[in-house]
Amino acid sequence: MVAVATVLGAHGIRGEARLNIHTQSDAYFAPGQALYLKKEGKEGGKWLTISQSRPHKQFMLVFFDGISGRDAAAALRGLVAHVPREHLPETAPDEHYWVDLVGMKVVSMEGEHLGKVVSIIETGANDVFVVQGQKGEILIPALDWVIKEINSQTDTMVVDLPQGL
């Protein structure tokens, strides 16, 4: 299962939920789509089907089947919406999902272990990998001339760090 959104709470009084989306695609939030909602790090959850949805500012507003009224929508606050991994579209050979990159080992061109990717920051120009290692935190720009190889088989990213990093 892959997390695609977090429920922030209710929106209005009719049972609409406000979601913070963790994906660039709105397709997961179309009417008829089912999402598995659960507390992060906890066992068990529930499948809910979207009956209506609409973008609102940087959020997605959705009505789920069986959720009516503000209190019912508010009770979903903090739940994380997931979709099965097999529902994700195929990526091109040089593309990767963030979920696959977080936790990856990072090594320099010289073979020095720099740490692991702990998160990814989305900026206007390019994404930035946050790598945590023995030397502390390193911010590595996700640029072709910096990221030399991403090997999903060995769970390793090889980088050519710019001067000053």
C-alpha atoms as a PDB file:
ATOM      1  CA  MET A   1       0.000   0.000   0.000  1.00  0.00           C
ATOM      2  CA  VAL A   2       1.209   3.488  -0.861  1.00  0.00           C
ATOM      3  CA  ALA A   3       0.092   6.638   0.959  1.00  0.00           C
ATOM      4  CA  VAL A   4      -1.548   9.186  -1.358  1.00  0.00           C
ATOM      5  CA  ALA A   5      -3.155  11.649   1.079  1.00  0.00           C
ATOM      6  CA  THR A   6      -3.809  12.550   4.698  1.00  0.00           C
ATOM      7  CA  VAL A   7      -7.234  13.557   5.999  1.00  0.00           C
ATOM      8  CA  LEU A   8      -6.931  16.992   7.600  1.00  0.00           C
ATOM      9  CA  GLY A   9     -10.502  17.159   8.858  1.00  0.00           C
ATOM     10  CA  ALA A  10     -14.012  18.145   7.863  1.00  0.00           C
ATOM     11  CA  HIS A  11     -14.896  20.868   5.392  1.00  0.00           C
ATOM     12  CA  GLY A  12     -18.332  22.349   5.871  1.00  0.00           C
ATOM     13  CA  ILE A  13     -21.262  20.632   7.566  1.00  0.00           C
ATOM     14  CA  ARG A  14     -22.356  18.031   4.981  1.00  0.00           C
ATOM     15  CA  GLY A  15     -19.587  15.450   5.561  1.00  0.00           C
ATOM     16  CA  GLU A  16     -16.976  16.591   3.101  1.00  0.00           C
ATOM     17  CA  ALA A  17     -13.391  15.743   4.104  1.00  0.00           C
ATOM     18  CA  ARG A  18     -10.335  17.888   3.351  1.00  0.00           C
ATOM     19  CA  LEU A  19      -7.312  15.904   2.148  1.00  0.00           C
ATOM     20  CA  ASN A  20      -3.675  16.925   1.879  1.00  0.00           C
ATOM     21  CA  ILE A  21      -2.524  15.149  -1.272  1.00  0.00           C
ATOM     22  CA  HIS A  22       0.878  13.394  -1.418  1.00  0.00           C
ATOM     23  CA  THR A  23       0.768  12.732  -5.161  1.00  0.00           C
ATOM     24  CA  GLN A  24       0.778  14.754  -8.341  1.00  0.00           C
ATOM     25  CA  SER A  25      -2.178  12.851  -9.793  1.00  0.00           C
ATOM     26  CA  ASP A  26      -5.799  13.613  -8.960  1.00  0.00           C
ATOM     27  CA  ALA A  27      -6.844  10.272 -10.485  1.00  0.00           C
ATOM     28  CA  TYR A  28      -6.811   8.536  -7.081  1.00  0.00           C
ATOM     29  CA  PHE A  29      -9.552  10.900  -5.869  1.00  0.00           C
ATOM     30  CA  ALA A  30     -12.074  10.506  -8.683  1.00  0.00           C
ATOM     31  CA  PRO A  31     -15.615   9.389  -7.850  1.00  0.00           C
ATOM     32  CA  GLY A  32     -15.768   5.603  -7.592  1.00  0.00           C
ATOM     33  CA  GLN A  33     -12.168   5.256  -6.400  1.00  0.00           C
ATOM     34  CA  ALA A  34     -11.644   3.353  -3.152  1.00  0.00           C
ATOM     35  CA  LEU A  35      -9.044   4.454  -0.618  1.00  0.00           C
ATOM     36  CA  TYR A  36      -7.802   2.479   2.377  1.00  0.00           C
ATOM     37  CA  LEU A  37      -7.774   4.806   5.383  1.00  0.00           C
ATOM     38  CA  LYS A  38      -5.798   3.983   8.517  1.00  0.00           C
ATOM     39  CA  LYS A  39      -3.708   5.540  11.246  1.00  0.00           C
ATOM     40  CA  GLU A  40      -0.060   5.578  10.221  1.00  0.00           C
ATOM     41  CA  GLY A  41       1.888   2.865  12.029  1.00  0.00           C
ATOM     42  CA  LYS A  42      -1.266   1.123  13.257  1.00  0.00           C
ATOM     43  CA  GLU A  43      -2.846  -2.135  12.147  1.00  0.00           C
ATOM     44  CA  GLY A  44      -6.274  -2.185  10.580  1.00  0.00           C
ATOM     45  CA  GLY A  45      -8.170   0.403   8.661  1.00  0.00           C
ATOM     46  CA  LYS A  46     -11.183   0.723   6.409  1.00  0.00           C
ATOM     47  CA  TRP A  47     -11.927   1.030   2.730  1.00  0.00           C
ATOM     48  CA  LEU A  48     -13.971   4.062   1.750  1.00  0.00           C
ATOM     49  CA  THR A  49     -15.245   4.858  -1.735  1.00  0.00           C
ATOM     50  CA  ILE A  50     -15.270   8.427  -3.011  1.00  0.00           C
ATOM     51  CA  SER A  51     -18.686   9.620  -4.159  1.00  0.00           C
ATOM     52  CA  GLN A  52     -17.689  13.202  -5.066  1.00  0.00           C
ATOM     53  CA  SER A  53     -14.450  15.165  -5.187  1.00  0.00           C
ATOM     54  CA  ARG A  54     -13.150  18.575  -6.123  1.00  0.00           C
ATOM     55  CA  PRO A  55      -9.887  20.470  -5.798  1.00  0.00           C
ATOM     56  CA  HIS A  56      -9.898  23.386  -3.359  1.00  0.00           C
ATOM     57  CA  LYS A  57      -6.772  25.556  -3.074  1.00  0.00           C
ATOM     58  CA  GLN A  58      -3.907  23.098  -2.472  1.00  0.00           C
ATOM     59  CA  PHE A  59      -6.256  20.440  -1.046  1.00  0.00           C
ATOM     60  CA  MET A  60      -8.756  17.907  -2.358  1.00  0.00           C
ATOM     61  CA  LEU A  61     -12.273  17.900  -0.929  1.00  0.00           C
ATOM     62  CA  VAL A  62     -14.067  14.555  -1.034  1.00  0.00           C
ATOM     63  CA  PHE A  63     -17.319  12.978   0.002  1.00  0.00           C
ATOM     64  CA  PHE A  64     -17.009   9.307   0.963  1.00  0.00           C
ATOM     65  CA  ASP A  65     -19.912   6.866   0.697  1.00  0.00           C
ATOM     66  CA  GLY A  66     -21.354   6.298   4.176  1.00  0.00           C
ATOM     67  CA  ILE A  67     -19.831   9.452   5.700  1.00  0.00           C
ATOM     68  CA  SER A  68     -22.442  12.113   6.276  1.00  0.00           C
ATOM     69  CA  GLY A  69     -22.273  15.125   8.489  1.00  0.00           C
ATOM     70  CA  ARG A  70     -19.426  17.168   9.881  1.00  0.00           C
ATOM     71  CA  ASP A  71     -18.796  14.905  12.896  1.00  0.00           C
ATOM     72  CA  ALA A  72     -18.359  11.784  10.746  1.00  0.00           C
ATOM     73  CA  ALA A  73     -15.923  13.579   8.435  1.00  0.00           C
ATOM     74  CA  ALA A  74     -14.062  15.093  11.400  1.00  0.00           C
ATOM     75  CA  ALA A  75     -13.608  11.596  12.873  1.00  0.00           C
ATOM     76  CA  LEU A  76     -11.424  10.760   9.846  1.00  0.00           C
ATOM     77  CA  ARG A  77      -8.877  13.437  10.792  1.00  0.00           C
ATOM     78  CA  GLY A  78      -5.328  12.099  10.875  1.00  0.00           C
ATOM     79  CA  LEU A  79      -6.067   8.991   8.834  1.00  0.00           C
ATOM     80  CA  VAL A  80      -3.771   8.338   5.893  1.00  0.00           C
ATOM     81  CA  ALA A  81      -5.336   7.312   2.573  1.00  0.00           C
ATOM     82  CA  HIS A  82      -3.574   4.488   0.710  1.00  0.00           C
ATOM     83  CA  VAL A  83      -3.910   2.763  -2.645  1.00  0.00           C
ATOM     84  CA  PRO A  84      -2.541  -0.656  -3.569  1.00  0.00           C
ATOM     85  CA  ARG A  85       0.929  -0.517  -5.106  1.00  0.00           C
ATOM     86  CA  GLU A  86      -0.303  -2.253  -8.253  1.00  0.00           C
ATOM     87  CA  HIS A  87      -2.688   0.679  -8.917  1.00  0.00           C
ATOM     88  CA  LEU A  88       0.234   3.043  -9.466  1.00  0.00           C
ATOM     89  CA  PRO A  89       1.021   3.722 -13.114  1.00  0.00           C
ATOM     90  CA  GLU A  90       4.230   2.280 -14.548  1.00  0.00           C
ATOM     91  CA  THR A  91       7.166   4.655 -14.499  1.00  0.00           C
ATOM     92  CA  ALA A  92       9.627   5.312 -17.295  1.00  0.00           C
ATOM     93  CA  PRO A  93      13.059   3.694 -16.818  1.00  0.00           C
ATOM     94  CA  ASP A  94      14.549   6.961 -15.537  1.00  0.00           C
ATOM     95  CA  GLU A  95      11.584   7.823 -13.259  1.00  0.00           C
ATOM     96  CA  HIS A  96      11.008   6.704  -9.679  1.00  0.00           C
ATOM     97  CA  TYR A  97       8.310   7.120  -7.087  1.00  0.00           C
ATOM     98  CA  TRP A  98       9.360   9.012  -3.979  1.00  0.00           C
ATOM     99  CA  VAL A  99       8.215   6.092  -1.846  1.00  0.00           C
ATOM    100  CA  ASP A 100      10.878   3.965  -3.563  1.00  0.00           C
ATOM    101  CA  LEU A 101      13.649   6.511  -2.971  1.00  0.00           C
ATOM    102  CA  VAL A 102      13.098   7.173   0.736  1.00  0.00           C
ATOM    103  CA  GLY A 103      15.292   4.751   2.676  1.00  0.00           C
ATOM    104  CA  MET A 104      17.706   4.256  -0.220  1.00  0.00           C
ATOM    105  CA  LYS A 105      21.453   4.158   0.571  1.00  0.00           C
ATOM    106  CA  VAL A 106      23.443   7.041  -0.889  1.00  0.00           C
ATOM    107  CA  VAL A 107      27.096   6.687  -1.896  1.00  0.00           C
ATOM    108  CA  SER A 108      29.494   9.082  -3.594  1.00  0.00           C
ATOM    109  CA  MET A 109      31.232   8.375  -6.895  1.00  0.00           C
ATOM    110  CA  GLU A 110      34.299   7.491  -4.807  1.00  0.00           C
ATOM    111  CA  GLY A 111      32.321   4.847  -2.899  1.00  0.00           C
ATOM    112  CA  GLU A 112      31.925   6.813   0.358  1.00  0.00           C
ATOM    113  CA  HIS A 113      28.720   5.933   2.240  1.00  0.00           C
ATOM    114  CA  LEU A 114      26.889   9.247   2.777  1.00  0.00           C
ATOM    115  CA  GLY A 115      23.750   7.936   4.511  1.00  0.00           C
ATOM    116  CA  LYS A 116      20.149   7.239   3.590  1.00  0.00           C
ATOM    117  CA  VAL A 117      17.452   9.306   1.955  1.00  0.00           C
ATOM    118  CA  VAL A 118      15.104  10.273   4.810  1.00  0.00           C
ATOM    119  CA  SER A 119      12.819  12.617   2.886  1.00  0.00           C
ATOM    120  CA  ILE A 120      12.426  14.587  -0.308  1.00  0.00           C
ATOM    121  CA  ILE A 121      11.761  18.311  -0.506  1.00  0.00           C
ATOM    122  CA  GLU A 122       9.791  19.589  -3.479  1.00  0.00           C
ATOM    123  CA  THR A 123      11.068  22.982  -4.603  1.00  0.00           C
ATOM    124  CA  GLY A 124      10.070  25.053  -7.576  1.00  0.00           C
ATOM    125  CA  ALA A 125      13.198  24.281  -9.569  1.00  0.00           C
ATOM    126  CA  ASN A 126      14.049  20.674  -8.634  1.00  0.00           C
ATOM    127  CA  ASP A 127      13.483  18.185  -5.858  1.00  0.00           C
ATOM    128  CA  VAL A 128      16.060  17.885  -3.082  1.00  0.00           C
ATOM    129  CA  PHE A 129      17.000  14.615  -1.364  1.00  0.00           C
ATOM    130  CA  VAL A 130      17.503  14.923   2.396  1.00  0.00           C
ATOM    131  CA  VAL A 131      20.232  12.427   3.294  1.00  0.00           C
ATOM    132  CA  GLN A 132      21.008  11.589   6.910  1.00  0.00           C
ATOM    133  CA  GLY A 133      24.343   9.973   7.693  1.00  0.00           C
ATOM    134  CA  GLN A 134      27.315   9.954  10.045  1.00  0.00           C
ATOM    135  CA  LYS A 135      28.316  13.440   8.895  1.00  0.00           C
ATOM    136  CA  GLY A 136      24.832  14.774   9.600  1.00  0.00           C
ATOM    137  CA  GLU A 137      22.278  15.992   7.106  1.00  0.00           C
ATOM    138  CA  ILE A 138      23.180  16.553   3.465  1.00  0.00           C
ATOM    139  CA  LEU A 139      20.837  18.191   0.956  1.00  0.00           C
ATOM    140  CA  ILE A 140      21.389  16.770  -2.515  1.00  0.00           C
ATOM    141  CA  PRO A 141      19.703  18.362  -5.538  1.00  0.00           C
ATOM    142  CA  ALA A 142      17.846  15.902  -7.755  1.00  0.00           C
ATOM    143  CA  LEU A 143      19.637  16.879 -10.938  1.00  0.00           C
ATOM    144  CA  ASP A 144      20.935  14.571 -13.673  1.00  0.00           C
ATOM    145  CA  TRP A 145      24.499  15.836 -13.306  1.00  0.00           C
ATOM    146  CA  VAL A 146      24.425  15.138  -9.531  1.00  0.00           C
ATOM    147  CA  ILE A 147      22.447  11.878  -9.382  1.00  0.00           C
ATOM    148  CA  LYS A 148      24.522   9.473 -11.453  1.00  0.00           C
ATOM    149  CA  GLU A 149      22.654   6.224 -10.796  1.00  0.00           C
ATOM    150  CA  ILE A 150      19.600   4.931  -8.992  1.00  0.00           C
ATOM    151  CA  ASN A 151      19.697   1.162  -8.634  1.00  0.00           C
ATOM    152  CA  SER A 152      16.437  -0.285  -7.332  1.00  0.00           C
ATOM    153  CA  GLN A 153      17.944  -3.792  -7.189  1.00  0.00           C
ATOM    154  CA  THR A 154      20.676  -2.797  -4.712  1.00  0.00           C
ATOM    155  CA  ASP A 155      18.613   0.019  -3.155  1.00  0.00           C
ATOM    156  CA  THR A 156      21.487   2.427  -3.848  1.00  0.00           C
ATOM    157  CA  MET A 157      21.815   5.941  -5.221  1.00  0.00           C
ATOM    158  CA  VAL A 158      25.211   7.056  -6.554  1.00  0.00           C
ATOM    159  CA  VAL A 159      25.877  10.812  -6.490  1.00  0.00           C
ATOM    160  CA  ASP A 160      28.580  13.181  -7.702  1.00  0.00           C
ATOM    161  CA  LEU A 161      28.423  15.892  -5.064  1.00  0.00           C
ATOM    162  CA  PRO A 162      28.993  19.481  -6.151  1.00  0.00           C
ATOM    163  CA  GLN A 163      31.777  21.440  -4.446  1.00  0.00           C
ATOM    164  CA  GLY A 164      30.715  22.656  -1.013  1.00  0.00           C
ATOM    165  CA  LEU A 165      28.402  19.796  -0.097  1.00  0.00           C
END
